[in-house]
Protein backbone atom coordinates (compact mmCIF):
# COMPACT_ATOMS: atom_id res chain seq x y z
CA MET A 1 -6.37 -63.82 53.63
CA ILE A 2 -2.48 -63.69 54.40
CA PRO A 3 -1.84 -66.98 56.21
CA VAL A 4 0.00 -66.11 59.59
CA VAL A 5 2.81 -68.59 58.74
CA ALA A 6 4.31 -69.68 55.46
CA VAL A 7 6.87 -71.41 54.22
CA MET A 8 6.99 -70.59 50.29
CA GLU A 9 8.59 -70.13 47.03
CA GLU A 10 7.22 -66.71 46.11
CA PRO A 11 8.86 -63.43 47.16
CA LEU A 12 7.49 -62.79 50.65
CA ASP A 13 5.39 -59.32 50.47
CA ALA A 14 6.47 -57.42 53.63
CA LYS A 15 3.98 -54.53 53.04
CA ALA A 16 1.06 -56.89 52.96
CA LEU A 17 2.39 -59.13 56.23
CA ARG A 18 2.84 -55.42 57.95
CA GLU A 19 -0.76 -54.18 56.84
CA ALA A 20 -1.95 -57.99 58.37
CA ALA A 21 -0.72 -56.55 61.56
CA THR A 22 -2.44 -53.91 62.21
CA ASP A 23 -4.67 -53.28 65.32
CA THR A 24 -5.60 -50.60 67.01
CA ARG A 25 -4.12 -52.27 70.50
CA ALA A 26 -1.11 -52.17 68.89
CA GLY A 27 1.27 -49.10 69.87
CA ALA A 28 4.01 -50.78 68.61
CA VAL A 29 4.93 -52.98 65.14
CA VAL A 30 8.18 -54.24 64.49
CA MET A 31 8.68 -55.74 61.12
CA PHE A 32 11.99 -57.50 60.69
CA GLU A 33 13.25 -58.61 56.97
CA GLY A 34 16.10 -61.00 56.30
CA CYS A 35 17.82 -60.81 53.63
CA ALA A 36 20.14 -62.63 51.24
CA ARG A 37 24.11 -60.69 51.48
CA ASP A 38 26.87 -60.80 49.57
CA HIS A 39 29.14 -61.98 51.84
CA HIS A 40 29.69 -65.15 54.87
CA GLU A 41 32.80 -65.17 56.66
CA GLY A 42 35.07 -63.58 54.47
CA ARG A 43 33.48 -65.00 51.06
CA ALA A 44 31.64 -63.48 48.22
CA VAL A 45 28.04 -64.85 47.96
CA GLU A 46 25.99 -64.58 44.24
CA ASN A 47 22.63 -66.49 46.02
CA LEU A 48 20.81 -68.35 48.50
CA THR A 49 18.84 -71.25 48.09
CA TYR A 50 16.69 -72.58 51.04
CA GLU A 51 15.22 -75.77 51.30
CA ALA A 52 12.98 -77.31 54.16
CA PHE A 53 10.55 -80.11 55.19
CA VAL A 54 7.54 -77.55 54.60
CA PRO A 55 5.13 -79.78 56.99
CA MET A 56 7.09 -79.76 60.01
CA ALA A 57 8.78 -76.22 59.07
CA VAL A 58 5.08 -74.31 58.99
CA SER A 59 4.06 -76.61 62.39
CA GLU A 60 7.34 -75.31 64.19
CA LEU A 61 6.83 -71.48 62.70
CA GLU A 62 3.32 -71.83 64.22
CA LYS A 63 4.28 -73.16 67.39
CA LEU A 64 6.94 -70.54 67.82
CA ARG A 65 4.21 -67.64 67.22
CA VAL A 66 1.96 -68.94 69.80
CA GLU A 67 4.23 -68.80 72.19
CA ALA A 68 5.88 -65.47 71.57
CA LEU A 69 1.79 -64.17 71.32
CA ASP A 70 1.51 -65.77 74.84
CA ARG A 71 5.39 -65.02 76.35
CA PHE A 72 5.36 -61.33 74.48
CA ASN A 73 1.89 -60.31 74.84
CA LEU A 74 1.51 -59.56 71.19
CA THR A 75 -1.51 -58.23 69.62
CA GLY A 76 -0.09 -59.86 66.05
CA CYS A 77 2.42 -61.93 64.70
CA LEU A 78 3.02 -63.08 61.35
CA VAL A 79 6.43 -65.06 60.20
CA HIS A 80 6.61 -66.09 56.36
CA HIS A 81 9.65 -68.05 55.25
CA ARG A 82 10.90 -68.43 51.51
CA ILE A 83 12.85 -71.39 50.29
CA GLY A 84 14.31 -72.11 46.73
CA PHE A 85 16.48 -69.70 44.94
CA VAL A 86 16.56 -66.56 46.82
CA PRO A 87 18.70 -63.15 44.88
CA LEU A 88 20.89 -60.77 46.74
CA THR A 89 18.89 -58.53 48.51
CA GLU A 90 15.58 -60.08 48.34
CA ALA A 91 13.91 -61.45 51.81
CA ALA A 92 14.51 -64.60 52.90
CA VAL A 93 12.21 -64.57 56.41
CA VAL A 94 9.91 -61.80 57.45
CA VAL A 95 8.90 -61.86 61.24
CA VAL A 96 6.32 -59.10 62.31
CA THR A 97 5.04 -58.54 65.75
CA ALA A 98 2.68 -56.02 67.05
CA SER A 99 1.73 -55.18 70.98
CA ALA A 100 0.79 -52.28 73.17
CA HIS A 101 4.60 -50.99 73.83
CA ARG A 102 7.78 -51.13 71.30
CA LYS A 103 10.07 -53.32 73.89
CA GLU A 104 7.49 -56.28 73.68
CA ALA A 105 7.39 -56.02 70.03
CA PHE A 106 11.39 -55.46 69.24
CA GLU A 107 12.05 -58.82 71.97
CA ALA A 108 9.52 -60.94 70.36
CA ALA A 109 11.21 -60.34 66.67
CA MET A 110 14.48 -61.57 67.70
CA TRP A 111 13.08 -63.97 69.86
CA ILE A 112 11.28 -65.59 67.24
CA MET A 113 14.21 -64.79 64.44
CA ASP A 114 16.86 -66.74 67.34
CA LEU A 115 14.77 -69.53 67.81
CA ILE A 116 13.83 -69.86 63.80
CA LYS A 117 17.54 -70.49 63.47
CA GLU A 118 17.57 -73.43 66.52
CA ARG A 119 14.24 -75.17 65.65
CA VAL A 120 12.75 -74.84 62.26
CA PRO A 121 14.09 -77.25 59.75
CA ILE A 122 14.96 -74.62 57.08
CA TRP A 123 18.51 -74.89 55.89
CA LYS A 124 20.08 -72.50 53.93
CA ARG A 125 23.13 -73.41 51.00
CA GLU A 126 25.18 -70.35 49.49
CA ARG A 127 26.65 -70.09 46.18
CA PHE A 128 30.05 -68.66 46.21
CA THR A 129 31.55 -65.75 43.48
CA GLU A 130 34.47 -67.78 43.29
CA GLY A 131 32.61 -71.00 43.07
CA GLY A 132 31.50 -73.61 44.97
CA GLU A 133 28.41 -73.81 47.48
CA GLY A 134 28.34 -74.42 50.87
CA TRP A 135 25.55 -75.00 53.64
CA VAL A 136 25.11 -72.91 56.74
CA GLU A 137 25.44 -74.45 60.38
CA GLY A 138 22.22 -73.73 62.41
CA GLN A 139 22.88 -71.52 65.31
CA ARG A 140 22.48 -73.22 69.11
CA LEU A 141 21.86 -70.93 71.26
CA VAL A 142 23.40 -70.56 74.90
CA PRO A 143 21.84 -68.49 77.72
């Protein structure tokens, strides 16, 4: 059985998460994959590494999930985040939201992603193609 939230070193299985969100009440299922890309702020990126305080990260992801279920009237929600080495094009995070209507599913996925960056103790380090590396600052969202 697939956990509804997870922080793991293994590659994320978006297809399995999508299948776990299947529900006859859901008219909409949104799956967001945040993938490692080859650039950041004008610099070429070779790969990413994520670190986390795993017990707290899992706890915060579960809190976000529960809040999203209630706030957006979801029928399902799964959130998995990868830690460790993440090659380019592979998913670092997968969020799946399901609801009766598309608006709520889309809004919930975006809300979860925004709050992951703000509240969850997971940190991203980029290794640059020309050499060197740097930590990516989290985002503080202002209404």
